[in-house]
Amino acid sequence: MNRPVVSVCSALLGLAAALALFYAPVPTRASLPEFAPAATSAETAPSPLRGSLSPAPQPAPAPTPTLPPVTQPSPPSKGAPSEASLASPAPMPSQTERALSLGEPPLSIPAREVPRLPGTAEAPVPSFSHGPSGQKQVALTFDDGPHPTITPLVLDVLRARGVKATFFVVGIRVKAYPWVLRQVVAEGHEIGNHSYSHRPLVSMSDEAIRHEVGETQTAIRNAIGYETSLFRPPYGVFHANANAIFREHKLNVIRWSVDPRDWRLRDATLIANHVTLQSKNGAIILCHDIHRTTLQALPTILDTLISEGYAFKTVSELCGLPPLRVITASHAPPAPAPEAKN
């Protein structure tokens, strides 16, 4: 066969195939094989928009069965806390509890933090760790005296600046140096009870606490003629069962808000810097009149705070408590006895 004839035949066959495709009927949805699940009523319903290009609606998913609530708590996640954990956070241990667990005295304990024994419901006595913050007033307090040599030197520094302080005394020292206590009161200072032996009250029975408080009250009364209404527990802590004993003696509990830890540092510069930097309106400052480094720091403490406009008050004045009885001349320090000559 000649090549022109083959070309004409090929063209005719192509034209026939094109005409067959052109006139062939368009396949419909019904003529196509059905691979999808049977159509629901929603699929067979006529579309309100004729010729819409939106896809046909898919069948609704099967309902998920309701699971019973989980009773066991799930472990905490490492991400952000949940609303439940933010709404009711776990209680933090109080400063008192931390101090007791560490076996060391706390820096400062607010008046509301009174440790309670299980099952006790004794109402706490009035308790103060600071005074009002409305005025530039502070209270300077000294613990663990009287000391036969350092306490009189502390009185000299206070007298030179016209400052009145509150001395929380230990009963066994009052019995040993009653004339020092009389000198403290004769110069217009205030006295508080700091227990008899300075042992922690939290480790004592009720009878032992009653002895610690009562014996010191008796020693103070024998030395100056009256008892005090101020009590500072050793290390600032006690169990709630002690409140009844404090109430028997009409005592107010006094703690502190500034503690330079002069019993540990024994550095006059560090002690003075801590007190002057931490003191603010209403502060109750804790010091000890049995350490020479505290005596050395005292002039700087007083001069700095006075230059900043602070006025020094006794604890009773700062906290609005009734004033203690003023010492009379009959309780002035006796003259020292002349030394016997051999």
C-alpha atoms as a PDB file:
ATOM      1  CA  MET A   1       0.000   0.000   0.000  1.00  0.00           C
ATOM      2  CA  ASN A   2       1.229   3.446  -0.893  1.00  0.00           C
ATOM      3  CA  ARG A   3       2.115   5.899   1.835  1.00  0.00           C
ATOM      4  CA  PRO A   4      -0.556   8.463   0.794  1.00  0.00           C
ATOM      5  CA  VAL A   5      -3.258   5.830   1.169  1.00  0.00           C
ATOM      6  CA  VAL A   6      -2.010   4.880   4.666  1.00  0.00           C
ATOM      7  CA  SER A   7      -2.020   8.516   5.728  1.00  0.00           C
ATOM      8  CA  VAL A   8      -5.584   9.023   4.527  1.00  0.00           C
ATOM      9  CA  CYS A   9      -6.749   5.881   6.354  1.00  0.00           C
ATOM     10  CA  SER A  10      -5.093   6.990   9.570  1.00  0.00           C
ATOM     11  CA  ALA A  11      -6.742  10.410   9.326  1.00  0.00           C
ATOM     12  CA  LEU A  12     -10.155   8.843   8.728  1.00  0.00           C
ATOM     13  CA  LEU A  13      -9.736   6.534  11.744  1.00  0.00           C
ATOM     14  CA  GLY A  14      -8.779   9.478  13.985  1.00  0.00           C
ATOM     15  CA  LEU A  15     -11.780  11.485  12.782  1.00  0.00           C
ATOM     16  CA  ALA A  16     -14.090   8.546  13.520  1.00  0.00           C
ATOM     17  CA  ALA A  17     -12.725   8.176  17.069  1.00  0.00           C
ATOM     18  CA  ALA A  18     -13.192  11.896  17.741  1.00  0.00           C
ATOM     19  CA  LEU A  19     -16.799  11.771  16.503  1.00  0.00           C
ATOM     20  CA  ALA A  20     -17.485   8.740  18.714  1.00  0.00           C
ATOM     21  CA  LEU A  21     -16.229  10.548  21.809  1.00  0.00           C
ATOM     22  CA  PHE A  22     -18.173  13.700  20.937  1.00  0.00           C
ATOM     23  CA  TYR A  23     -21.522  11.930  20.575  1.00  0.00           C
ATOM     24  CA  ALA A  24     -21.021   9.461  23.455  1.00  0.00           C
ATOM     25  CA  PRO A  25     -23.461  10.020  26.406  1.00  0.00           C
ATOM     26  CA  VAL A  26     -22.031  11.675  29.606  1.00  0.00           C
ATOM     27  CA  PRO A  27     -21.904   9.164  32.459  1.00  0.00           C
ATOM     28  CA  THR A  28     -24.218   9.991  35.396  1.00  0.00           C
ATOM     29  CA  ARG A  29     -23.823   9.388  39.196  1.00  0.00           C
ATOM     30  CA  ALA A  30     -26.101   6.356  38.897  1.00  0.00           C
ATOM     31  CA  SER A  31     -23.961   4.778  36.161  1.00  0.00           C
ATOM     32  CA  LEU A  32     -20.729   5.048  38.203  1.00  0.00           C
ATOM     33  CA  PRO A  33     -19.748   2.183  40.546  1.00  0.00           C
ATOM     34  CA  GLU A  34     -20.735   2.923  44.216  1.00  0.00           C
ATOM     35  CA  PHE A  35     -17.731   2.574  46.546  1.00  0.00           C
ATOM     36  CA  ALA A  36     -18.991   4.894  49.327  1.00  0.00           C
ATOM     37  CA  PRO A  37     -21.500   3.786  52.003  1.00  0.00           C
ATOM     38  CA  ALA A  38     -25.160   4.023  51.193  1.00  0.00           C
ATOM     39  CA  ALA A  39     -26.385   7.577  50.963  1.00  0.00           C
ATOM     40  CA  THR A  40     -28.375   9.008  53.881  1.00  0.00           C
ATOM     41  CA  SER A  41     -31.519  11.069  53.652  1.00  0.00           C
ATOM     42  CA  ALA A  42     -29.428  14.220  53.871  1.00  0.00           C
ATOM     43  CA  GLU A  43     -27.449  13.200  50.775  1.00  0.00           C
ATOM     44  CA  THR A  44     -30.529  12.411  48.619  1.00  0.00           C
ATOM     45  CA  ALA A  45     -32.364  15.619  49.498  1.00  0.00           C
ATOM     46  CA  PRO A  46     -32.287  18.180  46.642  1.00  0.00           C
ATOM     47  CA  SER A  47     -29.858  21.068  47.113  1.00  0.00           C
ATOM     48  CA  PRO A  48     -31.537  24.487  47.408  1.00  0.00           C
ATOM     49  CA  LEU A  49     -28.793  25.980  45.222  1.00  0.00           C
ATOM     50  CA  ARG A  50     -28.929  24.333  41.826  1.00  0.00           C
ATOM     51  CA  GLY A  51     -25.498  23.748  40.350  1.00  0.00           C
ATOM     52  CA  SER A  52     -23.718  24.617  43.649  1.00  0.00           C
ATOM     53  CA  LEU A  53     -20.035  23.720  43.773  1.00  0.00           C
ATOM     54  CA  SER A  54     -20.087  22.982  47.533  1.00  0.00           C
ATOM     55  CA  PRO A  55     -19.182  19.390  48.391  1.00  0.00           C
ATOM     56  CA  ALA A  56     -21.913  17.004  49.238  1.00  0.00           C
ATOM     57  CA  PRO A  57     -22.591  16.773  53.017  1.00  0.00           C
ATOM     58  CA  GLN A  58     -20.730  14.017  54.801  1.00  0.00           C
ATOM     59  CA  PRO A  59     -22.535  11.518  56.994  1.00  0.00           C
ATOM     60  CA  ALA A  60     -22.803  12.546  60.676  1.00  0.00           C
ATOM     61  CA  PRO A  61     -20.290  10.785  62.964  1.00  0.00           C
ATOM     62  CA  ALA A  62     -21.586   8.201  65.325  1.00  0.00           C
ATOM     63  CA  PRO A  63     -22.222   9.546  68.878  1.00  0.00           C
ATOM     64  CA  THR A  64     -19.368   8.962  71.334  1.00  0.00           C
ATOM     65  CA  PRO A  65     -20.466   6.975  74.359  1.00  0.00           C
ATOM     66  CA  THR A  66     -20.349   8.861  77.710  1.00  0.00           C
ATOM     67  CA  LEU A  67     -17.530   7.639  79.957  1.00  0.00           C
ATOM     68  CA  PRO A  68     -17.920   7.459  83.740  1.00  0.00           C
ATOM     69  CA  PRO A  69     -15.974  10.096  85.735  1.00  0.00           C
ATOM     70  CA  VAL A  70     -12.431   9.204  86.717  1.00  0.00           C
ATOM     71  CA  THR A  71     -12.089   8.946  90.471  1.00  0.00           C
ATOM     72  CA  GLN A  72      -8.317   8.616  90.734  1.00  0.00           C
ATOM     73  CA  PRO A  73      -6.405  11.929  90.423  1.00  0.00           C
ATOM     74  CA  SER A  74      -4.068  12.160  87.507  1.00  0.00           C
ATOM     75  CA  PRO A  75      -0.362  12.881  88.168  1.00  0.00           C
ATOM     76  CA  PRO A  76       0.586  16.544  87.939  1.00  0.00           C
ATOM     77  CA  SER A  77       1.723  17.679  84.528  1.00  0.00           C
ATOM     78  CA  LYS A  78       4.986  19.514  83.915  1.00  0.00           C
ATOM     79  CA  GLY A  79       3.213  22.309  82.072  1.00  0.00           C
ATOM     80  CA  ALA A  80       1.139  25.193  83.348  1.00  0.00           C
ATOM     81  CA  PRO A  81      -0.896  24.547  86.539  1.00  0.00           C
ATOM     82  CA  SER A  82      -4.564  23.818  86.153  1.00  0.00           C
ATOM     83  CA  GLU A  83      -7.353  26.084  87.365  1.00  0.00           C
ATOM     84  CA  ALA A  84      -8.117  23.702  90.203  1.00  0.00           C
ATOM     85  CA  SER A  85      -4.549  23.858  91.476  1.00  0.00           C
ATOM     86  CA  LEU A  86      -4.574  27.651  91.294  1.00  0.00           C
ATOM     87  CA  ALA A  87      -7.927  27.926  93.034  1.00  0.00           C
ATOM     88  CA  SER A  88      -6.881  25.875  96.069  1.00  0.00           C
ATOM     89  CA  PRO A  89      -3.075  25.733  96.386  1.00  0.00           C
ATOM     90  CA  ALA A  90      -1.445  23.399  98.830  1.00  0.00           C
ATOM     91  CA  PRO A  91      -0.795  25.109 102.193  1.00  0.00           C
ATOM     92  CA  MET A  92       2.765  26.274 102.713  1.00  0.00           C
ATOM     93  CA  PRO A  93       4.500  25.508 106.002  1.00  0.00           C
ATOM     94  CA  SER A  94       4.530  28.450 108.373  1.00  0.00           C
ATOM     95  CA  GLN A  95       7.710  30.143 109.463  1.00  0.00           C
ATOM     96  CA  THR A  96       7.250  28.613 112.898  1.00  0.00           C
ATOM     97  CA  GLU A  97       6.964  25.100 111.460  1.00  0.00           C
ATOM     98  CA  ARG A  98      10.060  25.634 109.314  1.00  0.00           C
ATOM     99  CA  ALA A  99      12.025  26.908 112.308  1.00  0.00           C
ATOM    100  CA  LEU A 100      10.971  23.970 114.462  1.00  0.00           C
ATOM    101  CA  SER A 101      11.819  21.474 111.707  1.00  0.00           C
ATOM    102  CA  LEU A 102      15.276  23.019 111.223  1.00  0.00           C
ATOM    103  CA  GLY A 103      15.959  23.223 114.922  1.00  0.00           C
ATOM    104  CA  GLU A 104      16.881  26.904 114.888  1.00  0.00           C
ATOM    105  CA  PRO A 105      15.119  30.089 116.059  1.00  0.00           C
ATOM    106  CA  PRO A 106      13.071  31.851 113.371  1.00  0.00           C
ATOM    107  CA  LEU A 107      13.969  35.360 112.243  1.00  0.00           C
ATOM    108  CA  SER A 108      10.544  36.752 112.990  1.00  0.00           C
ATOM    109  CA  ILE A 109       7.142  35.224 113.569  1.00  0.00           C
ATOM    110  CA  PRO A 110       3.935  37.185 112.959  1.00  0.00           C
ATOM    111  CA  ALA A 111       1.510  37.349 115.834  1.00  0.00           C
ATOM    112  CA  ARG A 112      -0.965  35.019 114.107  1.00  0.00           C
ATOM    113  CA  GLU A 113       1.562  32.167 113.892  1.00  0.00           C
ATOM    114  CA  VAL A 114       1.104  30.447 117.227  1.00  0.00           C
ATOM    115  CA  PRO A 115       1.817  26.704 116.981  1.00  0.00           C
ATOM    116  CA  ARG A 116      -1.018  24.581 118.320  1.00  0.00           C
ATOM    117  CA  LEU A 117      -0.987  21.119 119.789  1.00  0.00           C
ATOM    118  CA  PRO A 118      -3.503  18.640 118.315  1.00  0.00           C
ATOM    119  CA  GLY A 119      -6.843  18.941 120.044  1.00  0.00           C
ATOM    120  CA  THR A 120      -6.152  22.243 121.795  1.00  0.00           C
ATOM    121  CA  ALA A 121      -8.589  25.108 121.421  1.00  0.00           C
ATOM    122  CA  GLU A 122      -7.117  27.634 123.858  1.00  0.00           C
ATOM    123  CA  ALA A 123      -7.572  31.174 122.526  1.00  0.00           C
ATOM    124  CA  PRO A 124      -4.245  32.972 122.104  1.00  0.00           C
ATOM    125  CA  VAL A 125      -3.362  35.910 124.310  1.00  0.00           C
ATOM    126  CA  PRO A 126      -2.649  39.302 122.674  1.00  0.00           C
ATOM    127  CA  SER A 127       0.533  38.971 120.640  1.00  0.00           C
ATOM    128  CA  PHE A 128       2.665  41.565 118.843  1.00  0.00           C
ATOM    129  CA  SER A 129       5.622  41.333 116.474  1.00  0.00           C
ATOM    130  CA  HIS A 130       5.509  45.013 115.435  1.00  0.00           C
ATOM    131  CA  GLY A 131       3.626  48.192 116.180  1.00  0.00           C
ATOM    132  CA  PRO A 132       1.531  50.502 113.974  1.00  0.00           C
ATOM    133  CA  SER A 133       3.222  51.704 110.794  1.00  0.00           C
ATOM    134  CA  GLY A 134       1.623  55.145 110.687  1.00  0.00           C
ATOM    135  CA  GLN A 135       4.438  56.990 112.460  1.00  0.00           C
ATOM    136  CA  LYS A 136       8.247  56.861 112.454  1.00  0.00           C
ATOM    137  CA  GLN A 137       8.491  55.048 115.756  1.00  0.00           C
ATOM    138  CA  VAL A 138      10.414  51.906 116.721  1.00  0.00           C
ATOM    139  CA  ALA A 139      10.951  49.901 119.904  1.00  0.00           C
ATOM    140  CA  LEU A 140      14.421  48.740 120.905  1.00  0.00           C
ATOM    141  CA  THR A 141      14.467  45.557 122.996  1.00  0.00           C
ATOM    142  CA  PHE A 142      17.233  43.610 124.748  1.00  0.00           C
ATOM    143  CA  ASP A 143      17.064  39.918 125.653  1.00  0.00           C
ATOM    144  CA  ASP A 144      18.813  37.480 128.027  1.00  0.00           C
ATOM    145  CA  GLY A 145      20.072  39.960 130.648  1.00  0.00           C
ATOM    146  CA  PRO A 146      20.721  41.440 133.033  1.00  0.00           C
ATOM    147  CA  HIS A 147      24.472  41.237 132.615  1.00  0.00           C
ATOM    148  CA  PRO A 148      26.585  42.612 135.491  1.00  0.00           C
ATOM    149  CA  THR A 149      28.964  44.611 133.264  1.00  0.00           C
ATOM    150  CA  ILE A 150      27.498  44.963 129.750  1.00  0.00           C
ATOM    151  CA  THR A 151      23.957  45.978 130.769  1.00  0.00           C
ATOM    152  CA  PRO A 152      25.159  49.045 132.760  1.00  0.00           C
ATOM    153  CA  LEU A 153      27.261  50.103 129.759  1.00  0.00           C
ATOM    154  CA  VAL A 154      24.206  49.736 127.499  1.00  0.00           C
ATOM    155  CA  LEU A 155      22.329  51.992 129.913  1.00  0.00           C
ATOM    156  CA  ASP A 156      25.081  54.608 129.561  1.00  0.00           C
ATOM    157  CA  VAL A 157      24.668  54.671 125.760  1.00  0.00           C
ATOM    158  CA  LEU A 158      20.878  54.909 126.012  1.00  0.00           C
ATOM    159  CA  ARG A 159      21.028  57.652 128.643  1.00  0.00           C
ATOM    160  CA  ALA A 160      23.394  59.767 126.562  1.00  0.00           C
ATOM    161  CA  ARG A 161      20.815  59.860 123.733  1.00  0.00           C
ATOM    162  CA  GLY A 162      17.626  59.998 125.789  1.00  0.00           C
ATOM    163  CA  VAL A 163      16.412  56.615 124.446  1.00  0.00           C
ATOM    164  CA  LYS A 164      14.091  54.313 126.403  1.00  0.00           C
ATOM    165  CA  ALA A 165      14.125  50.562 125.715  1.00  0.00           C
ATOM    166  CA  THR A 166      12.487  47.344 126.890  1.00  0.00           C
ATOM    167  CA  PHE A 167      14.597  44.639 128.584  1.00  0.00           C
ATOM    168  CA  PHE A 168      13.319  41.042 128.496  1.00  0.00           C
ATOM    169  CA  VAL A 169      15.123  39.414 131.393  1.00  0.00           C
ATOM    170  CA  VAL A 170      15.873  35.800 132.308  1.00  0.00           C
ATOM    171  CA  GLY A 171      14.788  34.813 135.810  1.00  0.00           C
ATOM    172  CA  ILE A 172      17.977  33.072 136.832  1.00  0.00           C
ATOM    173  CA  ARG A 173      19.971  36.221 135.962  1.00  0.00           C
ATOM    174  CA  VAL A 174      17.518  38.452 137.797  1.00  0.00           C
ATOM    175  CA  LYS A 175      18.125  36.416 140.937  1.00  0.00           C
ATOM    176  CA  ALA A 176      21.882  36.686 140.424  1.00  0.00           C
ATOM    177  CA  TYR A 177      21.993  40.451 139.606  1.00  0.00           C
ATOM    178  CA  PRO A 178      18.887  42.122 141.051  1.00  0.00           C
ATOM    179  CA  TRP A 179      20.674  45.473 141.499  1.00  0.00           C
ATOM    180  CA  VAL A 180      21.264  45.650 137.723  1.00  0.00           C
ATOM    181  CA  LEU A 181      17.525  45.212 137.094  1.00  0.00           C
ATOM    182  CA  ARG A 182      16.766  47.953 139.619  1.00  0.00           C
ATOM    183  CA  GLN A 183      19.146  50.273 137.778  1.00  0.00           C
ATOM    184  CA  VAL A 184      17.427  49.485 134.447  1.00  0.00           C
ATOM    185  CA  VAL A 185      14.021  50.410 135.845  1.00  0.00           C
ATOM    186  CA  ALA A 186      15.321  53.428 137.794  1.00  0.00           C
ATOM    187  CA  GLU A 187      16.435  54.971 134.473  1.00  0.00           C
ATOM    188  CA  GLY A 188      12.933  54.692 133.017  1.00  0.00           C
ATOM    189  CA  HIS A 189      13.218  51.537 130.952  1.00  0.00           C
ATOM    190  CA  GLU A 190      10.648  48.768 130.681  1.00  0.00           C
ATOM    191  CA  ILE A 191      10.944  45.161 131.878  1.00  0.00           C
ATOM    192  CA  GLY A 192       9.623  41.997 130.247  1.00  0.00           C
ATOM    193  CA  ASN A 193       9.651  38.317 131.211  1.00  0.00           C
ATOM    194  CA  HIS A 194      11.890  36.069 129.055  1.00  0.00           C
ATOM    195  CA  SER A 195      11.432  32.805 131.025  1.00  0.00           C
ATOM    196  CA  TYR A 196      13.548  31.509 133.868  1.00  0.00           C
ATOM    197  CA  SER A 197      16.150  29.352 132.099  1.00  0.00           C
ATOM    198  CA  HIS A 198      15.739  30.337 128.399  1.00  0.00           C
ATOM    199  CA  ARG A 199      14.902  26.776 127.371  1.00  0.00           C
ATOM    200  CA  PRO A 200      12.417  26.295 124.467  1.00  0.00           C
ATOM    201  CA  LEU A 201       8.852  26.132 125.778  1.00  0.00           C
ATOM    202  CA  VAL A 202       7.783  23.785 122.968  1.00  0.00           C
ATOM    203  CA  SER A 203       9.619  20.905 124.644  1.00  0.00           C
ATOM    204  CA  MET A 204       8.093  21.487 128.108  1.00  0.00           C
ATOM    205  CA  SER A 205       5.061  20.235 129.974  1.00  0.00           C
ATOM    206  CA  ASP A 206       2.451  22.649 131.274  1.00  0.00           C
ATOM    207  CA  GLU A 207       3.920  22.462 134.770  1.00  0.00           C
ATOM    208  CA  ALA A 208       7.400  23.270 133.486  1.00  0.00           C
ATOM    209  CA  ILE A 209       6.087  26.254 131.514  1.00  0.00           C
ATOM    210  CA  ARG A 210       4.200  27.462 134.570  1.00  0.00           C
ATOM    211  CA  HIS A 211       7.438  27.286 136.562  1.00  0.00           C
ATOM    212  CA  GLU A 212       9.425  29.164 133.867  1.00  0.00           C
ATOM    213  CA  VAL A 213       6.895  31.995 133.778  1.00  0.00           C
ATOM    214  CA  GLY A 214       5.969  32.137 137.462  1.00  0.00           C
ATOM    215  CA  GLU A 215       9.485  31.962 138.879  1.00  0.00           C
ATOM    216  CA  THR A 216      10.616  34.825 136.654  1.00  0.00           C
ATOM    217  CA  GLN A 217       7.621  36.922 137.674  1.00  0.00           C
ATOM    218  CA  THR A 218       8.516  36.293 141.303  1.00  0.00           C
ATOM    219  CA  ALA A 219      12.157  37.206 140.736  1.00  0.00           C
ATOM    220  CA  ILE A 220      11.146  40.449 138.997  1.00  0.00           C
ATOM    221  CA  ARG A 221       8.722  41.339 141.785  1.00  0.00           C
ATOM    222  CA  ASN A 222      11.340  40.676 144.458  1.00  0.00           C
ATOM    223  CA  ALA A 223      13.821  42.906 142.633  1.00  0.00           C
ATOM    224  CA  ILE A 224      11.683  45.914 141.627  1.00  0.00           C
ATOM    225  CA  GLY A 225       8.428  45.549 143.577  1.00  0.00           C
ATOM    226  CA  TYR A 226       5.993  44.604 140.774  1.00  0.00           C
ATOM    227  CA  GLU A 227       5.510  42.095 137.984  1.00  0.00           C
ATOM    228  CA  THR A 228       5.500  42.680 134.243  1.00  0.00           C
ATOM    229  CA  SER A 229       2.711  42.185 131.705  1.00  0.00           C
ATOM    230  CA  LEU A 230       5.103  41.473 128.794  1.00  0.00           C
ATOM    231  CA  PHE A 231       6.420  38.041 127.879  1.00  0.00           C
ATOM    232  CA  ARG A 232       8.829  37.065 125.110  1.00  0.00           C
ATOM    233  CA  PRO A 233       9.066  33.272 124.647  1.00  0.00           C
ATOM    234  CA  PRO A 234      12.572  31.926 124.057  1.00  0.00           C
ATOM    235  CA  TYR A 235      13.134  31.650 120.283  1.00  0.00           C
ATOM    236  CA  GLY A 236       9.689  33.191 119.755  1.00  0.00           C
ATOM    237  CA  VAL A 237       7.743  29.898 119.774  1.00  0.00           C
ATOM    238  CA  PHE A 238       5.432  28.022 122.122  1.00  0.00           C
ATOM    239  CA  HIS A 239       2.526  25.592 121.966  1.00  0.00           C
ATOM    240  CA  ALA A 240      -1.028  26.826 122.305  1.00  0.00           C
ATOM    241  CA  ASN A 241      -1.430  25.137 125.676  1.00  0.00           C
ATOM    242  CA  ALA A 242       0.849  27.856 127.099  1.00  0.00           C
ATOM    243  CA  ASN A 243      -1.784  30.520 126.399  1.00  0.00           C
ATOM    244  CA  ALA A 244      -3.727  29.568 129.520  1.00  0.00           C
ATOM    245  CA  ILE A 245      -0.583  30.046 131.619  1.00  0.00           C
ATOM    246  CA  PHE A 246       0.136  33.420 130.018  1.00  0.00           C
ATOM    247  CA  ARG A 247      -3.435  34.442 130.711  1.00  0.00           C
ATOM    248  CA  GLU A 248      -3.064  33.514 134.392  1.00  0.00           C
ATOM    249  CA  HIS A 249      -0.306  36.123 134.663  1.00  0.00           C
ATOM    250  CA  LYS A 250      -2.089  38.644 132.363  1.00  0.00           C
ATOM    251  CA  LEU A 251       0.796  38.578 129.892  1.00  0.00           C
ATOM    252  CA  ASN A 252       1.008  39.903 126.343  1.00  0.00           C
ATOM    253  CA  VAL A 253       3.315  37.988 123.992  1.00  0.00           C
ATOM    254  CA  ILE A 254       5.957  40.185 122.339  1.00  0.00           C
ATOM    255  CA  ARG A 255       8.060  38.986 119.431  1.00  0.00           C
ATOM    256  CA  TRP A 256      10.062  41.085 116.939  1.00  0.00           C
ATOM    257  CA  SER A 257      10.321  42.201 113.333  1.00  0.00           C
ATOM    258  CA  VAL A 258      14.072  43.004 113.099  1.00  0.00           C
ATOM    259  CA  ASP A 259      16.624  40.416 114.188  1.00  0.00           C
ATOM    260  CA  PRO A 260      20.320  41.128 113.439  1.00  0.00           C
ATOM    261  CA  ARG A 261      21.283  37.761 114.937  1.00  0.00           C
ATOM    262  CA  ASP A 262      23.832  39.488 117.117  1.00  0.00           C
ATOM    263  CA  TRP A 263      24.114  36.298 119.161  1.00  0.00           C
ATOM    264  CA  ARG A 264      25.649  34.616 116.101  1.00  0.00           C
ATOM    265  CA  LEU A 265      27.413  37.319 114.070  1.00  0.00           C
ATOM    266  CA  ARG A 266      29.468  38.962 116.852  1.00  0.00           C
ATOM    267  CA  ASP A 267      30.461  41.722 114.403  1.00  0.00           C
ATOM    268  CA  ALA A 268      29.508  45.282 115.363  1.00  0.00           C
ATOM    269  CA  THR A 269      29.465  46.591 111.774  1.00  0.00           C
ATOM    270  CA  LEU A 270      27.239  43.803 110.471  1.00  0.00           C
ATOM    271  CA  ILE A 271      24.872  44.152 113.424  1.00  0.00           C
ATOM    272  CA  ALA A 272      24.517  47.921 112.976  1.00  0.00           C
ATOM    273  CA  ASN A 273      24.036  47.634 109.204  1.00  0.00           C
ATOM    274  CA  HIS A 274      21.332  45.005 109.546  1.00  0.00           C
ATOM    275  CA  VAL A 275      19.336  46.957 112.118  1.00  0.00           C
ATOM    276  CA  THR A 276      19.542  50.310 110.336  1.00  0.00           C
ATOM    277  CA  LEU A 277      18.683  48.845 106.920  1.00  0.00           C
ATOM    278  CA  GLN A 278      15.807  46.622 108.081  1.00  0.00           C
ATOM    279  CA  SER A 279      14.100  48.982 110.516  1.00  0.00           C
ATOM    280  CA  LYS A 280      10.917  50.721 109.395  1.00  0.00           C
ATOM    281  CA  ASN A 281       7.858  52.301 110.989  1.00  0.00           C
ATOM    282  CA  GLY A 282       6.564  50.200 113.878  1.00  0.00           C
ATOM    283  CA  ALA A 283       9.588  47.892 114.018  1.00  0.00           C
ATOM    284  CA  ILE A 284      10.392  45.945 117.171  1.00  0.00           C
ATOM    285  CA  ILE A 285      14.176  45.496 117.160  1.00  0.00           C
ATOM    286  CA  LEU A 286      15.726  42.477 118.855  1.00  0.00           C
ATOM    287  CA  CYS A 287      19.171  42.771 120.458  1.00  0.00           C
ATOM    288  CA  HIS A 288      20.980  41.139 123.379  1.00  0.00           C
ATOM    289  CA  ASP A 289      22.620  43.026 126.227  1.00  0.00           C
ATOM    290  CA  ILE A 290      25.030  40.187 127.004  1.00  0.00           C
ATOM    291  CA  HIS A 291      27.359  40.543 123.984  1.00  0.00           C
ATOM    292  CA  ARG A 292      30.072  43.177 123.769  1.00  0.00           C
ATOM    293  CA  THR A 293      29.734  43.442 119.978  1.00  0.00           C
ATOM    294  CA  THR A 294      26.092  44.490 120.428  1.00  0.00           C
ATOM    295  CA  LEU A 295      27.242  47.178 122.834  1.00  0.00           C
ATOM    296  CA  GLN A 296      29.767  48.377 120.233  1.00  0.00           C
ATOM    297  CA  ALA A 297      27.095  48.511 117.511  1.00  0.00           C
ATOM    298  CA  LEU A 298      24.559  50.358 119.659  1.00  0.00           C
ATOM    299  CA  PRO A 299      25.820  53.972 119.173  1.00  0.00           C
ATOM    300  CA  THR A 300      25.735  53.603 115.381  1.00  0.00           C
ATOM    301  CA  ILE A 301      22.249  52.071 115.487  1.00  0.00           C
ATOM    302  CA  LEU A 302      20.840  54.855 117.647  1.00  0.00           C
ATOM    303  CA  ASP A 303      22.571  57.756 115.868  1.00  0.00           C
ATOM    304  CA  THR A 304      21.567  56.491 112.403  1.00  0.00           C
ATOM    305  CA  LEU A 305      17.904  55.900 113.212  1.00  0.00           C
ATOM    306  CA  ILE A 306      17.603  59.183 115.135  1.00  0.00           C
ATOM    307  CA  SER A 307      19.119  61.058 112.171  1.00  0.00           C
ATOM    308  CA  GLU A 308      16.493  59.427 109.933  1.00  0.00           C
ATOM    309  CA  GLY A 309      13.717  60.816 112.127  1.00  0.00           C
ATOM    310  CA  TYR A 310      12.783  57.737 114.160  1.00  0.00           C
ATOM    311  CA  ALA A 311      11.561  58.080 117.732  1.00  0.00           C
ATOM    312  CA  PHE A 312      12.324  55.281 120.204  1.00  0.00           C
ATOM    313  CA  LYS A 313       9.438  53.995 122.324  1.00  0.00           C
ATOM    314  CA  THR A 314       9.024  51.213 124.830  1.00  0.00           C
ATOM    315  CA  VAL A 315       7.077  48.186 123.629  1.00  0.00           C
ATOM    316  CA  SER A 316       4.031  49.210 125.675  1.00  0.00           C
ATOM    317  CA  GLU A 317       4.082  52.699 124.148  1.00  0.00           C
ATOM    318  CA  LEU A 318       4.560  51.399 120.598  1.00  0.00           C
ATOM    319  CA  CYS A 319       1.823  48.750 120.795  1.00  0.00           C
ATOM    320  CA  GLY A 320      -0.671  50.823 122.793  1.00  0.00           C
ATOM    321  CA  LEU A 321      -0.554  48.649 125.914  1.00  0.00           C
ATOM    322  CA  PRO A 322      -1.162  49.988 129.434  1.00  0.00           C
ATOM    323  CA  PRO A 323       2.070  51.369 130.879  1.00  0.00           C
ATOM    324  CA  LEU A 324       3.876  49.353 133.505  1.00  0.00           C
ATOM    325  CA  ARG A 325       4.285  50.683 136.999  1.00  0.00           C
ATOM    326  CA  VAL A 326       7.004  53.313 137.343  1.00  0.00           C
ATOM    327  CA  ILE A 327       9.798  52.401 139.733  1.00  0.00           C
ATOM    328  CA  THR A 328       9.987  54.300 142.990  1.00  0.00           C
ATOM    329  CA  ALA A 329      13.038  55.684 144.723  1.00  0.00           C
ATOM    330  CA  SER A 330      12.898  52.855 147.251  1.00  0.00           C
ATOM    331  CA  HIS A 331      14.010  50.496 144.497  1.00  0.00           C
ATOM    332  CA  ALA A 332      17.015  52.540 143.392  1.00  0.00           C
ATOM    333  CA  PRO A 333      20.256  50.583 143.083  1.00  0.00           C
ATOM    334  CA  PRO A 334      21.916  50.241 146.473  1.00  0.00           C
ATOM    335  CA  ALA A 335      25.375  51.637 146.977  1.00  0.00           C
ATOM    336  CA  PRO A 336      28.083  49.024 146.582  1.00  0.00           C
ATOM    337  CA  ALA A 337      29.344  47.626 149.875  1.00  0.00           C
ATOM    338  CA  PRO A 338      32.860  48.716 150.812  1.00  0.00           C
ATOM    339  CA  GLU A 339      35.499  46.083 150.310  1.00  0.00           C
ATOM    340  CA  ALA A 340      36.694  44.445 153.468  1.00  0.00           C
ATOM    341  CA  LYS A 341      40.316  45.140 154.344  1.00  0.00           C
ATOM    342  CA  ASN A 342      42.535  42.307 155.426  1.00  0.00           C
END
